[in-house]
Amino acid sequence: MRRLLITENITADGRIEMLDEWFNPAPDGGIQDWLEGMGCAGASSNAVVLGRQTFEDFRGYWPQHTDEPAGAYLEQVQKYIVSSSMTDPEWRNSAILSGDPVEEVRRLKDSDGGDLTLSGSITLAHAVLAAGLVDEIRMLMFPVVQGRGKGLAAEGTSIPHLELIESRPLRSGVVLLRYAVTNG
């Protein structure tokens, strides 16, 4: 059975929806610092799971930036897109999952292979968290308070217990946080 890891950029007040221009991976110009944090956050995964909108955002940017570590990783890694409307992903190593999102992710978890990372994809993240499918939450917390927008979990979703695995401040002021989702 594979583990499902959620990796999100998040504000200090727990918002992952980017309504303001708070996402700046390197306010001091140190992009390597942020990329190191992202590399740590996704290092154990050999596949990513994305909702349609996040996939389209990634597809519109990363294939032209394969000289960067994140772009090189996304170019070669297996990508699963949860979408009922997409018919052709138009990006190598991509497969469309068109069934019930929770059941599709459950099926992936039950298959052989390495860890799966879900990144961005707020609606999908909310669904798999509510269904109890997430094994680990990895966040890059930005030193900003947005005060509005969707959070990590949907309203009314509770996660019984999180166990801190790692907390590492990065030079940019971003903090890498890793939590195991446990049953208490």
N, C-alpha and C. Protein backbone atom coordinates (compact mmCIF):
# COMPACT_ATOMS: atom_id res chain seq x y z
N MET A 1 0.84 -1.18 0.00
CA MET A 1 0.00 0.00 0.00
C MET A 1 0.89 1.25 0.00
N ARG A 2 0.51 2.22 -0.80
CA ARG A 2 1.26 3.47 -0.91
C ARG A 2 0.76 4.47 0.13
N ARG A 3 1.63 5.38 0.51
CA ARG A 3 1.23 6.47 1.40
C ARG A 3 0.81 7.66 0.56
N LEU A 4 -0.17 8.41 1.07
CA LEU A 4 -0.61 9.64 0.42
C LEU A 4 -0.14 10.82 1.27
N LEU A 5 0.64 11.69 0.65
CA LEU A 5 1.18 12.87 1.30
C LEU A 5 0.56 14.10 0.67
N ILE A 6 0.10 15.01 1.50
CA ILE A 6 -0.37 16.30 0.98
C ILE A 6 0.75 17.30 1.20
N THR A 7 1.11 18.03 0.15
CA THR A 7 2.11 19.08 0.23
C THR A 7 1.45 20.38 -0.19
N GLU A 8 1.48 21.36 0.69
CA GLU A 8 0.84 22.64 0.40
C GLU A 8 1.71 23.81 0.82
N ASN A 9 1.62 24.89 0.05
CA ASN A 9 2.11 26.19 0.50
C ASN A 9 0.96 26.77 1.32
N ILE A 10 1.26 27.34 2.48
CA ILE A 10 0.22 27.76 3.40
C ILE A 10 0.64 29.03 4.12
N THR A 11 -0.33 29.85 4.48
CA THR A 11 -0.03 31.07 5.24
C THR A 11 0.03 30.74 6.72
N ALA A 12 0.53 31.68 7.51
CA ALA A 12 0.61 31.48 8.96
C ALA A 12 -0.77 31.31 9.58
N ASP A 13 -1.83 31.81 8.93
CA ASP A 13 -3.18 31.62 9.45
C ASP A 13 -3.90 30.46 8.77
N GLY A 14 -3.15 29.56 8.14
CA GLY A 14 -3.71 28.31 7.65
C GLY A 14 -4.43 28.35 6.33
N ARG A 15 -4.18 29.35 5.50
CA ARG A 15 -4.87 29.46 4.20
C ARG A 15 -4.00 28.90 3.08
N ILE A 16 -4.60 28.05 2.25
CA ILE A 16 -3.86 27.54 1.10
C ILE A 16 -4.37 28.16 -0.19
N GLU A 17 -5.54 28.75 -0.15
CA GLU A 17 -6.07 29.44 -1.33
C GLU A 17 -5.34 30.77 -1.47
N MET A 18 -4.75 31.00 -2.62
CA MET A 18 -3.94 32.20 -2.83
C MET A 18 -4.81 33.31 -3.41
N LEU A 19 -5.48 34.05 -2.53
CA LEU A 19 -6.32 35.16 -2.96
C LEU A 19 -5.51 36.45 -3.11
N ASP A 20 -4.43 36.54 -2.38
CA ASP A 20 -3.54 37.69 -2.46
C ASP A 20 -2.21 37.21 -3.06
N GLU A 21 -1.31 38.12 -3.27
CA GLU A 21 -0.01 37.78 -3.87
C GLU A 21 1.00 37.41 -2.80
N TRP A 22 0.67 36.52 -1.89
CA TRP A 22 1.57 36.16 -0.80
C TRP A 22 2.60 35.11 -1.18
N PHE A 23 2.32 34.34 -2.22
CA PHE A 23 3.25 33.28 -2.57
C PHE A 23 4.46 33.86 -3.28
N ASN A 24 5.54 33.91 -2.56
CA ASN A 24 6.83 34.32 -3.13
C ASN A 24 7.85 33.36 -2.56
N PRO A 25 8.26 32.38 -3.34
CA PRO A 25 9.15 31.36 -2.79
C PRO A 25 10.50 31.89 -2.34
N ALA A 26 10.85 33.08 -2.75
CA ALA A 26 12.18 33.59 -2.40
C ALA A 26 12.18 35.10 -2.28
N PRO A 27 11.60 35.64 -1.20
CA PRO A 27 11.55 37.09 -1.08
C PRO A 27 12.93 37.74 -1.03
N ASP A 28 13.93 36.99 -0.61
CA ASP A 28 15.29 37.53 -0.55
C ASP A 28 16.13 37.10 -1.75
N GLY A 29 15.47 36.56 -2.77
CA GLY A 29 16.18 36.11 -3.96
C GLY A 29 16.75 34.71 -3.84
N GLY A 30 16.55 34.04 -2.71
CA GLY A 30 17.12 32.71 -2.49
C GLY A 30 16.19 31.60 -2.91
N ILE A 31 15.92 31.46 -4.20
CA ILE A 31 15.01 30.44 -4.69
C ILE A 31 15.47 29.04 -4.29
N GLN A 32 16.76 28.83 -4.16
CA GLN A 32 17.28 27.51 -3.77
C GLN A 32 16.75 27.09 -2.41
N ASP A 33 16.57 28.05 -1.51
CA ASP A 33 16.04 27.79 -0.18
C ASP A 33 14.64 27.16 -0.28
N TRP A 34 13.78 27.77 -1.09
CA TRP A 34 12.42 27.27 -1.25
C TRP A 34 12.44 25.92 -1.98
N LEU A 35 13.26 25.82 -3.03
CA LEU A 35 13.34 24.56 -3.76
C LEU A 35 13.83 23.43 -2.87
N GLU A 36 14.74 23.74 -1.95
CA GLU A 36 15.20 22.72 -0.99
C GLU A 36 14.04 22.26 -0.13
N GLY A 37 13.24 23.20 0.34
CA GLY A 37 12.07 22.84 1.14
C GLY A 37 11.09 22.00 0.35
N MET A 38 10.85 22.35 -0.91
CA MET A 38 9.95 21.57 -1.76
C MET A 38 10.54 20.19 -2.03
N GLY A 39 11.84 20.14 -2.23
CA GLY A 39 12.49 18.85 -2.46
C GLY A 39 12.34 17.94 -1.26
N CYS A 40 12.50 18.49 -0.07
CA CYS A 40 12.31 17.70 1.16
C CYS A 40 10.86 17.28 1.29
N ALA A 41 9.95 18.16 0.89
CA ALA A 41 8.53 17.87 1.03
C ALA A 41 8.07 16.77 0.09
N GLY A 42 8.72 16.61 -1.06
CA GLY A 42 8.28 15.61 -2.01
C GLY A 42 9.30 14.52 -2.30
N ALA A 43 10.35 14.45 -1.51
CA ALA A 43 11.48 13.58 -1.81
C ALA A 43 11.12 12.10 -1.89
N SER A 44 10.16 11.63 -1.13
CA SER A 44 9.88 10.20 -1.11
C SER A 44 8.84 9.78 -2.15
N SER A 45 8.35 10.70 -2.94
CA SER A 45 7.27 10.40 -3.88
C SER A 45 7.78 10.08 -5.27
N ASN A 46 7.10 9.12 -5.91
CA ASN A 46 7.40 8.86 -7.31
C ASN A 46 6.18 9.09 -8.19
N ALA A 47 5.15 9.74 -7.62
CA ALA A 47 3.95 10.09 -8.39
C ALA A 47 3.26 11.27 -7.70
N VAL A 48 2.63 12.10 -8.52
CA VAL A 48 1.85 13.22 -7.98
C VAL A 48 0.41 13.08 -8.42
N VAL A 49 -0.48 13.51 -7.55
CA VAL A 49 -1.91 13.50 -7.81
C VAL A 49 -2.37 14.95 -7.80
N LEU A 50 -3.05 15.36 -8.86
CA LEU A 50 -3.46 16.75 -8.99
C LEU A 50 -4.90 16.85 -9.46
N GLY A 51 -5.58 17.89 -9.01
CA GLY A 51 -6.87 18.24 -9.59
C GLY A 51 -6.64 18.88 -10.94
N ARG A 52 -7.69 19.01 -11.73
CA ARG A 52 -7.56 19.54 -13.09
C ARG A 52 -6.95 20.94 -13.13
N GLN A 53 -7.44 21.86 -12.31
CA GLN A 53 -6.95 23.24 -12.37
C GLN A 53 -5.47 23.34 -11.99
N THR A 54 -5.08 22.66 -10.93
CA THR A 54 -3.66 22.69 -10.54
C THR A 54 -2.81 22.05 -11.62
N PHE A 55 -3.28 20.94 -12.20
CA PHE A 55 -2.54 20.30 -13.29
C PHE A 55 -2.36 21.28 -14.45
N GLU A 56 -3.44 21.96 -14.84
CA GLU A 56 -3.33 22.91 -15.95
C GLU A 56 -2.37 24.05 -15.62
N ASP A 57 -2.39 24.51 -14.38
CA ASP A 57 -1.44 25.55 -13.96
C ASP A 57 0.00 25.03 -14.07
N PHE A 58 0.24 23.83 -13.56
CA PHE A 58 1.57 23.22 -13.63
C PHE A 58 1.99 23.02 -15.09
N ARG A 59 1.08 22.47 -15.90
CA ARG A 59 1.39 22.18 -17.31
C ARG A 59 1.70 23.47 -18.09
N GLY A 60 1.10 24.56 -17.69
CA GLY A 60 1.35 25.83 -18.36
C GLY A 60 2.67 26.47 -17.98
N TYR A 61 3.31 25.99 -16.92
CA TYR A 61 4.54 26.62 -16.45
C TYR A 61 5.75 25.68 -16.48
N TRP A 62 5.65 24.53 -15.82
CA TRP A 62 6.82 23.70 -15.56
C TRP A 62 7.48 23.08 -16.78
N PRO A 63 6.77 22.67 -17.83
CA PRO A 63 7.48 22.10 -18.98
C PRO A 63 8.48 23.07 -19.64
N GLN A 64 8.28 24.36 -19.45
CA GLN A 64 9.22 25.35 -19.99
C GLN A 64 10.34 25.67 -19.00
N HIS A 65 10.33 25.03 -17.83
CA HIS A 65 11.33 25.28 -16.79
C HIS A 65 11.97 23.99 -16.28
N THR A 66 12.28 23.09 -17.21
CA THR A 66 12.86 21.82 -16.81
C THR A 66 14.32 21.95 -16.37
N ASP A 67 14.89 23.14 -16.53
CA ASP A 67 16.25 23.37 -16.03
C ASP A 67 16.25 23.62 -14.52
N GLU A 68 15.07 23.82 -13.94
CA GLU A 68 14.94 23.98 -12.49
C GLU A 68 14.61 22.62 -11.89
N PRO A 69 15.05 22.36 -10.64
CA PRO A 69 14.80 21.04 -10.04
C PRO A 69 13.32 20.63 -10.03
N ALA A 70 12.42 21.54 -9.67
CA ALA A 70 11.00 21.20 -9.63
C ALA A 70 10.48 20.88 -11.03
N GLY A 71 10.92 21.62 -12.03
CA GLY A 71 10.50 21.36 -13.40
C GLY A 71 11.02 20.04 -13.91
N ALA A 72 12.27 19.73 -13.60
CA ALA A 72 12.85 18.45 -14.02
C ALA A 72 12.10 17.29 -13.37
N TYR A 73 11.79 17.42 -12.09
CA TYR A 73 11.06 16.39 -11.36
C TYR A 73 9.68 16.17 -11.98
N LEU A 74 8.94 17.27 -12.20
CA LEU A 74 7.59 17.15 -12.74
C LEU A 74 7.57 16.63 -14.17
N GLU A 75 8.62 16.87 -14.90
CA GLU A 75 8.69 16.36 -16.28
C GLU A 75 8.78 14.84 -16.29
N GLN A 76 9.52 14.26 -15.34
CA GLN A 76 9.74 12.81 -15.38
C GLN A 76 8.79 12.01 -14.50
N VAL A 77 8.21 12.61 -13.48
CA VAL A 77 7.39 11.87 -12.53
C VAL A 77 6.02 11.49 -13.14
N GLN A 78 5.43 10.40 -12.65
CA GLN A 78 4.08 10.02 -13.07
C GLN A 78 3.09 11.01 -12.47
N LYS A 79 2.22 11.55 -13.31
CA LYS A 79 1.21 12.52 -12.87
C LYS A 79 -0.18 11.92 -13.07
N TYR A 80 -0.99 11.97 -12.03
CA TYR A 80 -2.37 11.51 -12.10
C TYR A 80 -3.27 12.73 -11.95
N ILE A 81 -4.17 12.94 -12.89
CA ILE A 81 -5.05 14.09 -12.87
C ILE A 81 -6.47 13.60 -12.60
N VAL A 82 -7.06 14.10 -11.53
CA VAL A 82 -8.44 13.76 -11.20
C VAL A 82 -9.32 14.79 -11.90
N SER A 83 -10.05 14.33 -12.92
CA SER A 83 -10.88 15.24 -13.71
C SER A 83 -11.97 14.47 -14.44
N SER A 84 -13.16 15.01 -14.41
CA SER A 84 -14.26 14.40 -15.17
C SER A 84 -14.41 15.06 -16.53
N SER A 85 -13.67 16.15 -16.79
CA SER A 85 -13.84 16.86 -18.06
C SER A 85 -12.63 16.78 -18.99
N MET A 86 -11.45 16.48 -18.48
CA MET A 86 -10.25 16.44 -19.32
C MET A 86 -10.20 15.13 -20.11
N THR A 87 -9.81 15.23 -21.37
CA THR A 87 -9.71 14.02 -22.20
C THR A 87 -8.27 13.73 -22.63
N ASP A 88 -7.43 14.74 -22.72
CA ASP A 88 -6.03 14.55 -23.12
C ASP A 88 -5.15 15.45 -22.26
N PRO A 89 -4.30 14.88 -21.41
CA PRO A 89 -3.50 15.71 -20.52
C PRO A 89 -2.42 16.54 -21.24
N GLU A 90 -1.99 16.11 -22.41
CA GLU A 90 -1.01 16.84 -23.21
C GLU A 90 0.28 17.13 -22.44
N TRP A 91 0.70 16.17 -21.61
CA TRP A 91 1.98 16.27 -20.90
C TRP A 91 2.42 14.84 -20.62
N ARG A 92 3.64 14.54 -20.95
CA ARG A 92 4.13 13.16 -20.83
C ARG A 92 3.99 12.65 -19.39
N ASN A 93 3.89 11.34 -19.27
CA ASN A 93 3.76 10.66 -17.97
C ASN A 93 2.53 11.11 -17.20
N SER A 94 1.45 11.41 -17.90
CA SER A 94 0.22 11.87 -17.25
C SER A 94 -0.93 10.93 -17.57
N ALA A 95 -1.74 10.65 -16.55
CA ALA A 95 -2.90 9.79 -16.73
C ALA A 95 -4.11 10.45 -16.07
N ILE A 96 -5.24 10.36 -16.72
CA ILE A 96 -6.48 10.96 -16.21
C ILE A 96 -7.25 9.94 -15.40
N LEU A 97 -7.71 10.35 -14.23
CA LEU A 97 -8.58 9.54 -13.37
C LEU A 97 -9.95 10.21 -13.41
N SER A 98 -10.91 9.59 -14.09
CA SER A 98 -12.18 10.27 -14.34
C SER A 98 -13.33 9.80 -13.45
N GLY A 99 -13.07 8.84 -12.58
CA GLY A 99 -14.13 8.34 -11.71
C GLY A 99 -14.30 9.20 -10.46
N ASP A 100 -14.96 8.65 -9.46
CA ASP A 100 -15.13 9.34 -8.19
C ASP A 100 -13.75 9.67 -7.61
N PRO A 101 -13.48 10.94 -7.31
CA PRO A 101 -12.14 11.34 -6.86
C PRO A 101 -11.61 10.55 -5.67
N VAL A 102 -12.43 10.36 -4.65
CA VAL A 102 -11.98 9.65 -3.45
C VAL A 102 -11.68 8.19 -3.79
N GLU A 103 -12.53 7.55 -4.57
CA GLU A 103 -12.30 6.15 -4.94
C GLU A 103 -11.08 6.00 -5.85
N GLU A 104 -10.86 6.96 -6.73
CA GLU A 104 -9.68 6.91 -7.61
C GLU A 104 -8.39 7.00 -6.77
N VAL A 105 -8.36 7.91 -5.80
CA VAL A 105 -7.18 8.05 -4.95
C VAL A 105 -7.03 6.82 -4.06
N ARG A 106 -8.11 6.30 -3.55
CA ARG A 106 -8.06 5.07 -2.74
C ARG A 106 -7.46 3.92 -3.57
N ARG A 107 -7.88 3.81 -4.83
CA ARG A 107 -7.36 2.77 -5.72
C ARG A 107 -5.85 2.95 -5.94
N LEU A 108 -5.41 4.19 -6.13
CA LEU A 108 -3.97 4.46 -6.28
C LEU A 108 -3.20 4.06 -5.02
N LYS A 109 -3.76 4.41 -3.85
CA LYS A 109 -3.10 4.06 -2.59
C LYS A 109 -2.98 2.55 -2.44
N ASP A 110 -3.96 1.82 -2.91
CA ASP A 110 -3.96 0.36 -2.78
C ASP A 110 -3.05 -0.33 -3.79
N SER A 111 -2.52 0.42 -4.75
CA SER A 111 -1.65 -0.17 -5.76
C SER A 111 -0.20 -0.22 -5.27
N ASP A 112 0.64 -0.90 -6.00
CA ASP A 112 2.06 -0.98 -5.68
C ASP A 112 2.76 0.29 -6.14
N GLY A 113 3.83 0.63 -5.43
CA GLY A 113 4.64 1.78 -5.83
C GLY A 113 5.04 2.61 -4.64
N GLY A 114 5.72 3.70 -4.93
CA GLY A 114 6.17 4.60 -3.89
C GLY A 114 5.07 5.55 -3.45
N ASP A 115 5.46 6.51 -2.63
CA ASP A 115 4.51 7.48 -2.11
C ASP A 115 3.86 8.29 -3.23
N LEU A 116 2.65 8.76 -2.93
CA LEU A 116 1.91 9.66 -3.80
C LEU A 116 1.87 11.03 -3.12
N THR A 117 2.12 12.09 -3.86
CA THR A 117 2.02 13.44 -3.31
C THR A 117 0.90 14.17 -4.00
N LEU A 118 0.01 14.73 -3.21
CA LEU A 118 -1.04 15.61 -3.72
C LEU A 118 -0.60 17.03 -3.40
N SER A 119 -0.56 17.88 -4.40
CA SER A 119 -0.11 19.25 -4.21
C SER A 119 -1.15 20.21 -4.73
N GLY A 120 -1.35 21.33 -4.00
CA GLY A 120 -2.37 22.29 -4.41
C GLY A 120 -3.73 21.61 -4.38
N SER A 121 -4.51 21.76 -5.46
CA SER A 121 -5.74 20.97 -5.65
C SER A 121 -6.62 21.00 -4.41
N ILE A 122 -7.07 22.18 -4.02
CA ILE A 122 -7.80 22.37 -2.76
C ILE A 122 -9.00 21.45 -2.62
N THR A 123 -9.84 21.38 -3.64
CA THR A 123 -11.06 20.56 -3.55
C THR A 123 -10.71 19.09 -3.34
N LEU A 124 -9.73 18.61 -4.09
CA LEU A 124 -9.31 17.22 -3.95
C LEU A 124 -8.66 16.98 -2.59
N ALA A 125 -7.83 17.91 -2.13
CA ALA A 125 -7.20 17.79 -0.80
C ALA A 125 -8.28 17.70 0.28
N HIS A 126 -9.28 18.55 0.19
CA HIS A 126 -10.37 18.51 1.18
C HIS A 126 -11.07 17.15 1.17
N ALA A 127 -11.31 16.60 -0.02
CA ALA A 127 -12.04 15.33 -0.14
C ALA A 127 -11.24 14.17 0.46
N VAL A 128 -9.94 14.09 0.15
CA VAL A 128 -9.15 12.96 0.65
C VAL A 128 -8.86 13.09 2.15
N LEU A 129 -8.74 14.31 2.64
CA LEU A 129 -8.61 14.51 4.10
C LEU A 129 -9.87 14.05 4.81
N ALA A 130 -11.03 14.47 4.30
CA ALA A 130 -12.30 14.10 4.92
C ALA A 130 -12.52 12.58 4.88
N ALA A 131 -12.00 11.92 3.84
CA ALA A 131 -12.16 10.47 3.70
C ALA A 131 -11.13 9.67 4.51
N GLY A 132 -10.21 10.36 5.16
CA GLY A 132 -9.21 9.67 5.97
C GLY A 132 -8.12 8.97 5.17
N LEU A 133 -7.84 9.44 3.96
CA LEU A 133 -6.85 8.78 3.11
C LEU A 133 -5.43 9.32 3.25
N VAL A 134 -5.26 10.42 3.97
CA VAL A 134 -3.96 11.10 4.04
C VAL A 134 -3.10 10.52 5.16
N ASP A 135 -1.84 10.23 4.83
CA ASP A 135 -0.90 9.69 5.80
C ASP A 135 0.03 10.76 6.38
N GLU A 136 0.30 11.78 5.59
CA GLU A 136 1.21 12.82 6.05
C GLU A 136 0.84 14.15 5.40
N ILE A 137 0.97 15.22 6.17
CA ILE A 137 0.74 16.58 5.67
C ILE A 137 2.08 17.31 5.74
N ARG A 138 2.49 17.85 4.60
CA ARG A 138 3.74 18.60 4.51
C ARG A 138 3.40 20.01 4.06
N MET A 139 3.80 20.98 4.85
CA MET A 139 3.46 22.36 4.56
C MET A 139 4.71 23.22 4.50
N LEU A 140 4.70 24.16 3.56
CA LEU A 140 5.69 25.22 3.55
C LEU A 140 4.92 26.47 3.99
N MET A 141 5.09 26.85 5.27
CA MET A 141 4.33 27.94 5.86
C MET A 141 5.04 29.28 5.61
N PHE A 142 4.32 30.15 4.92
CA PHE A 142 4.85 31.47 4.59
C PHE A 142 4.51 32.47 5.70
N PRO A 143 5.41 33.40 5.99
CA PRO A 143 5.21 34.35 7.08
C PRO A 143 4.27 35.48 6.65
N VAL A 144 3.01 35.12 6.46
CA VAL A 144 2.02 36.07 5.99
C VAL A 144 0.67 35.66 6.57
N VAL A 145 -0.19 36.63 6.82
CA VAL A 145 -1.56 36.36 7.25
C VAL A 145 -2.48 36.92 6.18
N GLN A 146 -3.26 36.04 5.56
CA GLN A 146 -4.17 36.45 4.49
C GLN A 146 -5.54 36.84 5.04
N GLY A 147 -5.99 36.16 6.08
CA GLY A 147 -7.25 36.52 6.72
C GLY A 147 -8.50 36.04 6.02
N ARG A 148 -8.36 35.36 4.92
CA ARG A 148 -9.53 34.87 4.18
C ARG A 148 -9.05 33.79 3.22
N GLY A 149 -9.99 33.05 2.68
CA GLY A 149 -9.65 31.99 1.73
C GLY A 149 -9.77 30.61 2.35
N LYS A 150 -9.72 29.62 1.50
CA LYS A 150 -9.86 28.23 1.94
C LYS A 150 -8.63 27.79 2.71
N GLY A 151 -8.88 26.99 3.74
CA GLY A 151 -7.81 26.45 4.55
C GLY A 151 -7.43 25.05 4.12
N LEU A 152 -6.57 24.44 4.90
CA LEU A 152 -6.08 23.10 4.59
C LEU A 152 -7.21 22.07 4.58
N ALA A 153 -8.11 22.16 5.53
CA ALA A 153 -9.25 21.23 5.60
C ALA A 153 -10.54 21.99 5.37
N ALA A 154 -11.51 21.32 4.77
CA ALA A 154 -12.81 21.93 4.53
C ALA A 154 -13.51 22.18 5.87
N GLU A 155 -14.36 23.17 5.89
CA GLU A 155 -15.15 23.48 7.07
C GLU A 155 -15.86 22.22 7.55
N GLY A 156 -15.74 21.92 8.85
CA GLY A 156 -16.39 20.76 9.43
C GLY A 156 -15.55 19.49 9.41
N THR A 157 -14.40 19.52 8.74
CA THR A 157 -13.51 18.34 8.70
C THR A 157 -12.56 18.41 9.88
N SER A 158 -12.47 17.33 10.60
CA SER A 158 -11.51 17.30 11.70
C SER A 158 -10.48 16.20 11.44
N ILE A 159 -9.28 16.47 11.86
CA ILE A 159 -8.20 15.49 11.77
C ILE A 159 -7.84 15.18 13.22
N PRO A 160 -8.13 13.96 13.68
CA PRO A 160 -8.03 13.65 15.10
C PRO A 160 -6.68 13.98 15.75
N HIS A 161 -5.60 13.65 15.07
CA HIS A 161 -4.30 13.88 15.70
C HIS A 161 -3.22 13.99 14.63
N LEU A 162 -2.37 14.98 14.82
CA LEU A 162 -1.20 15.15 13.96
C LEU A 162 0.05 15.00 14.82
N GLU A 163 1.01 14.25 14.35
CA GLU A 163 2.26 14.07 15.08
C GLU A 163 3.38 14.77 14.30
N LEU A 164 4.05 15.72 14.94
CA LEU A 164 5.11 16.46 14.29
C LEU A 164 6.28 15.54 13.95
N ILE A 165 6.68 15.52 12.69
CA ILE A 165 7.81 14.74 12.22
C ILE A 165 9.03 15.63 12.04
N GLU A 166 8.78 16.83 11.51
CA GLU A 166 9.89 17.74 11.21
C GLU A 166 9.39 19.17 11.21
N SER A 167 10.24 20.05 11.70
CA SER A 167 10.01 21.49 11.64
C SER A 167 11.36 22.13 11.33
N ARG A 168 11.42 22.82 10.19
CA ARG A 168 12.70 23.39 9.79
C ARG A 168 12.50 24.79 9.20
N PRO A 169 13.05 25.81 9.85
CA PRO A 169 12.97 27.15 9.25
C PRO A 169 13.94 27.25 8.07
N LEU A 170 13.50 27.90 7.00
CA LEU A 170 14.34 28.15 5.85
C LEU A 170 14.81 29.60 5.89
N ARG A 171 15.89 29.91 5.20
CA ARG A 171 16.46 31.26 5.25
C ARG A 171 15.48 32.35 4.84
N SER A 172 14.54 32.02 3.98
CA SER A 172 13.59 32.99 3.47
C SER A 172 12.52 33.38 4.48
N GLY A 173 12.46 32.68 5.62
CA GLY A 173 11.40 32.92 6.59
C GLY A 173 10.27 31.91 6.49
N VAL A 174 10.29 31.12 5.43
CA VAL A 174 9.33 30.03 5.27
C VAL A 174 9.74 28.90 6.21
N VAL A 175 8.74 28.18 6.75
CA VAL A 175 9.02 27.07 7.65
C VAL A 175 8.45 25.79 7.04
N LEU A 176 9.29 24.77 6.93
CA LEU A 176 8.85 23.45 6.48
C LEU A 176 8.30 22.71 7.69
N LEU A 177 7.06 22.25 7.59
CA LEU A 177 6.41 21.49 8.66
C LEU A 177 5.92 20.18 8.08
N ARG A 178 6.23 19.08 8.77
CA ARG A 178 5.75 17.75 8.36
C ARG A 178 5.04 17.11 9.54
N TYR A 179 3.84 16.64 9.27
CA TYR A 179 3.02 15.98 10.29
C TYR A 179 2.53 14.64 9.79
N ALA A 180 2.63 13.61 10.62
CA ALA A 180 1.99 12.33 10.34
C ALA A 180 0.55 12.46 10.80
N VAL A 181 -0.37 11.92 9.99
CA VAL A 181 -1.78 11.87 10.39
C VAL A 181 -1.95 10.54 11.09
N THR A 182 -2.31 10.58 12.37
CA THR A 182 -2.42 9.34 13.16
C THR A 182 -3.82 9.20 13.71
N ASN A 183 -4.09 8.08 14.27
CA ASN A 183 -5.41 7.82 14.86
C ASN A 183 -5.43 8.15 16.35
N GLY A 184 -4.43 8.87 16.83
CA GLY A 184 -4.47 9.29 18.22
C GLY A 184 -3.54 8.63 19.09
